């Protein structure tokens, strides 16, 4: 996964704060995970989050801790061999399928937009962003991302 900039994190925080109270609760995080097809119970999320609600600063710190933990896990696993690579490949394949809505093996701008809409992260300004994100990683210039291009996007962003 790539690190997000502060504007992205603020936009995500605002979208996750469903009740507009200035906090992202565990329930709101659970809602997001369910929207993307990850089912976790509150008992699993509570220890991970560490508190019932996160303000904007705590949310950024929580996100950063996940990215740092993931980066250190990847560094530790670097020499672990093909078994670990298969796990990463499998995780990426699952993530790819979330975006490849029609199952044709490609992620189009429309599919990316649809998934972002489901997550509540799309607005009228994102349409251009979807196209530019795809074109940035579309190495064969066919207007869509195949799995290899998707992997490059996930590792290089």
Protein backbone atom coordinates (compact mmCIF):
# COMPACT_ATOMS: atom_id res chain seq x y z
CA UNK A 1 0.00 0.00 0.00
CA UNK A 2 1.14 3.50 -0.62
CA UNK A 3 1.28 6.33 1.86
CA UNK A 4 -1.39 8.98 1.37
CA UNK A 5 -0.78 12.69 1.58
CA UNK A 6 -2.49 14.88 4.19
CA UNK A 7 -5.19 16.09 1.77
CA UNK A 8 -6.13 12.49 0.99
CA UNK A 9 -6.21 11.60 4.69
CA UNK A 10 -8.37 14.63 5.51
CA UNK A 11 -10.78 13.74 2.71
CA UNK A 12 -10.98 10.14 3.94
CA UNK A 13 -11.49 11.30 7.53
CA UNK A 14 -14.34 13.61 6.45
CA UNK A 15 -16.01 10.81 4.47
CA UNK A 16 -15.65 8.33 7.33
CA UNK A 17 -17.08 10.72 9.90
CA UNK A 18 -20.61 9.64 8.99
CA UNK A 19 -22.33 11.36 11.90
CA UNK A 20 -20.31 14.59 11.52
CA UNK A 21 -19.18 14.64 15.15
CA UNK A 22 -15.52 15.31 14.30
CA UNK A 23 -14.47 11.77 15.20
CA UNK A 24 -14.12 8.47 13.35
CA UNK A 25 -15.50 5.70 15.52
CA UNK A 26 -14.74 2.01 15.37
CA UNK A 27 -18.25 1.53 13.98
CA UNK A 28 -17.46 3.96 11.15
CA UNK A 29 -14.20 2.13 10.40
CA UNK A 30 -16.14 -1.14 10.40
CA UNK A 31 -18.61 0.41 7.94
CA UNK A 32 -15.74 1.27 5.56
CA UNK A 33 -14.23 -2.20 5.79
CA UNK A 34 -17.59 -3.82 5.05
CA UNK A 35 -18.05 -1.53 2.03
CA UNK A 36 -14.82 -2.89 0.55
CA UNK A 37 -15.66 -6.48 1.41
CA UNK A 38 -13.55 -6.93 4.55
CA UNK A 39 -15.58 -8.32 7.41
CA UNK A 40 -14.16 -7.66 10.86
CA UNK A 41 -15.94 -7.66 14.17
CA UNK A 42 -15.71 -4.80 16.62
CA UNK A 43 -13.73 -7.02 19.00
CA UNK A 44 -11.01 -7.34 16.35
CA UNK A 45 -10.94 -3.64 15.52
CA UNK A 46 -10.94 -2.27 19.07
CA UNK A 47 -7.43 -3.44 20.00
CA UNK A 48 -6.10 -2.36 16.62
CA UNK A 49 -7.53 1.15 16.94
CA UNK A 50 -6.84 1.46 20.66
CA UNK A 51 -9.76 3.76 21.48
CA UNK A 52 -13.45 4.11 20.73
CA UNK A 53 -13.13 7.23 18.56
CA UNK A 54 -10.32 8.93 16.68
CA UNK A 55 -10.08 12.66 16.15
CA UNK A 56 -8.37 13.92 13.00
CA UNK A 57 -4.88 13.83 14.57
CA UNK A 58 -5.38 10.37 16.08
CA UNK A 59 -6.72 9.16 12.73
CA UNK A 60 -3.54 10.32 10.96
CA UNK A 61 -1.39 8.73 13.67
CA UNK A 62 -3.38 5.50 13.38
CA UNK A 63 -2.93 5.49 9.60
CA UNK A 64 0.79 6.23 9.93
CA UNK A 65 1.21 3.41 12.45
CA UNK A 66 -0.39 0.97 10.01
CA UNK A 67 1.87 2.12 7.17
CA UNK A 68 4.97 1.96 9.40
CA UNK A 69 3.97 -1.49 10.70
CA UNK A 70 3.35 -2.71 7.16
CA UNK A 71 6.70 -1.31 5.97
CA UNK A 72 8.60 -2.95 8.81
CA UNK A 73 6.76 -6.24 8.21
CA UNK A 74 7.73 -6.07 4.53
CA UNK A 75 11.38 -5.42 5.44
CA UNK A 76 11.41 -8.38 7.86
CA UNK A 77 9.77 -10.59 5.26
CA UNK A 78 12.09 -9.51 2.43
CA UNK A 79 14.28 -12.58 2.82
CA UNK A 80 11.48 -14.97 3.74
CA UNK A 81 11.32 -16.56 0.30
CA UNK A 82 8.66 -17.39 -2.23
CA UNK A 83 6.05 -18.36 0.36
CA UNK A 84 5.77 -14.74 1.51
CA UNK A 85 5.81 -13.47 -2.06
CA UNK A 86 2.85 -15.74 -2.77
CA UNK A 87 0.99 -14.16 0.17
CA UNK A 88 1.61 -10.65 -1.12
CA UNK A 89 0.66 -11.73 -4.64
CA UNK A 90 -2.53 -13.29 -3.28
CA UNK A 91 -3.41 -10.13 -1.33
CA UNK A 92 -2.83 -8.02 -4.43
CA UNK A 93 -4.94 -10.37 -6.52
CA UNK A 94 -7.81 -9.99 -4.03
CA UNK A 95 -7.43 -6.21 -4.08
CA UNK A 96 -7.35 -6.23 -7.89
CA UNK A 97 -10.62 -8.18 -7.98
CA UNK A 98 -12.28 -5.51 -5.81
CA UNK A 99 -11.61 -2.99 -8.58
CA UNK A 100 -12.09 -5.29 -11.59
CA UNK A 101 -15.86 -5.23 -11.33
CA UNK A 102 -16.63 -6.94 -14.63
CA UNK A 103 -13.93 -9.59 -14.19
CA UNK A 104 -12.26 -8.91 -17.54
CA UNK A 105 -8.77 -8.68 -16.05
CA UNK A 106 -8.52 -4.89 -16.35
CA UNK A 107 -9.36 -1.88 -14.19
CA UNK A 108 -10.99 0.90 -16.17
CA UNK A 109 -11.54 4.47 -15.10
CA UNK A 110 -15.24 3.71 -14.67
CA UNK A 111 -14.52 0.72 -12.42
CA UNK A 112 -12.11 2.75 -10.32
CA UNK A 113 -14.69 5.51 -10.03
CA UNK A 114 -17.39 3.01 -9.08
CA UNK A 115 -15.31 1.52 -6.27
CA UNK A 116 -14.35 4.96 -4.97
CA UNK A 117 -18.03 5.91 -5.06
CA UNK A 118 -18.95 2.82 -3.03
CA UNK A 119 -16.37 3.89 -0.47
CA UNK A 120 -17.74 7.41 -0.43
CA UNK A 121 -14.42 8.75 -1.74
CA UNK A 122 -15.51 9.95 -5.18
CA UNK A 123 -16.75 13.35 -6.18
CA UNK A 124 -17.08 15.19 -9.48
CA UNK A 125 -13.42 16.26 -9.34
CA UNK A 126 -12.15 12.68 -9.05
CA UNK A 127 -13.11 11.70 -12.59
CA UNK A 128 -10.04 13.43 -13.96
CA UNK A 129 -7.97 12.00 -11.11
CA UNK A 130 -9.07 8.46 -12.02
CA UNK A 131 -7.95 8.95 -15.59
CA UNK A 132 -4.64 10.52 -14.59
CA UNK A 133 -3.97 7.80 -11.98
CA UNK A 134 -4.59 5.09 -14.54
CA UNK A 135 -2.52 6.82 -17.22
CA UNK A 136 0.37 7.27 -14.79
CA UNK A 137 0.70 3.48 -14.37
CA UNK A 138 -0.67 2.34 -17.74
CA UNK A 139 2.67 1.28 -19.23
CA UNK A 140 1.19 -0.05 -22.49
CA UNK A 141 -1.11 2.99 -22.95
CA UNK A 142 -4.29 0.95 -23.48
CA UNK A 143 -6.32 3.12 -21.06
CA UNK A 144 -6.80 0.42 -18.40
CA UNK A 145 -4.67 -1.28 -15.76
CA UNK A 146 -3.85 -4.95 -16.00
CA UNK A 147 -2.69 -6.89 -12.95
CA UNK A 148 1.03 -6.18 -13.50
CA UNK A 149 0.36 -2.45 -13.87
CA UNK A 150 -1.83 -2.58 -10.76
CA UNK A 151 1.00 -4.26 -8.81
CA UNK A 152 3.42 -1.57 -9.96
CA UNK A 153 0.96 1.09 -8.85
CA UNK A 154 0.64 -0.49 -5.42
CA UNK A 155 4.39 -0.84 -4.93
CA UNK A 156 5.54 2.43 -6.50
CA UNK A 157 2.93 4.89 -5.23
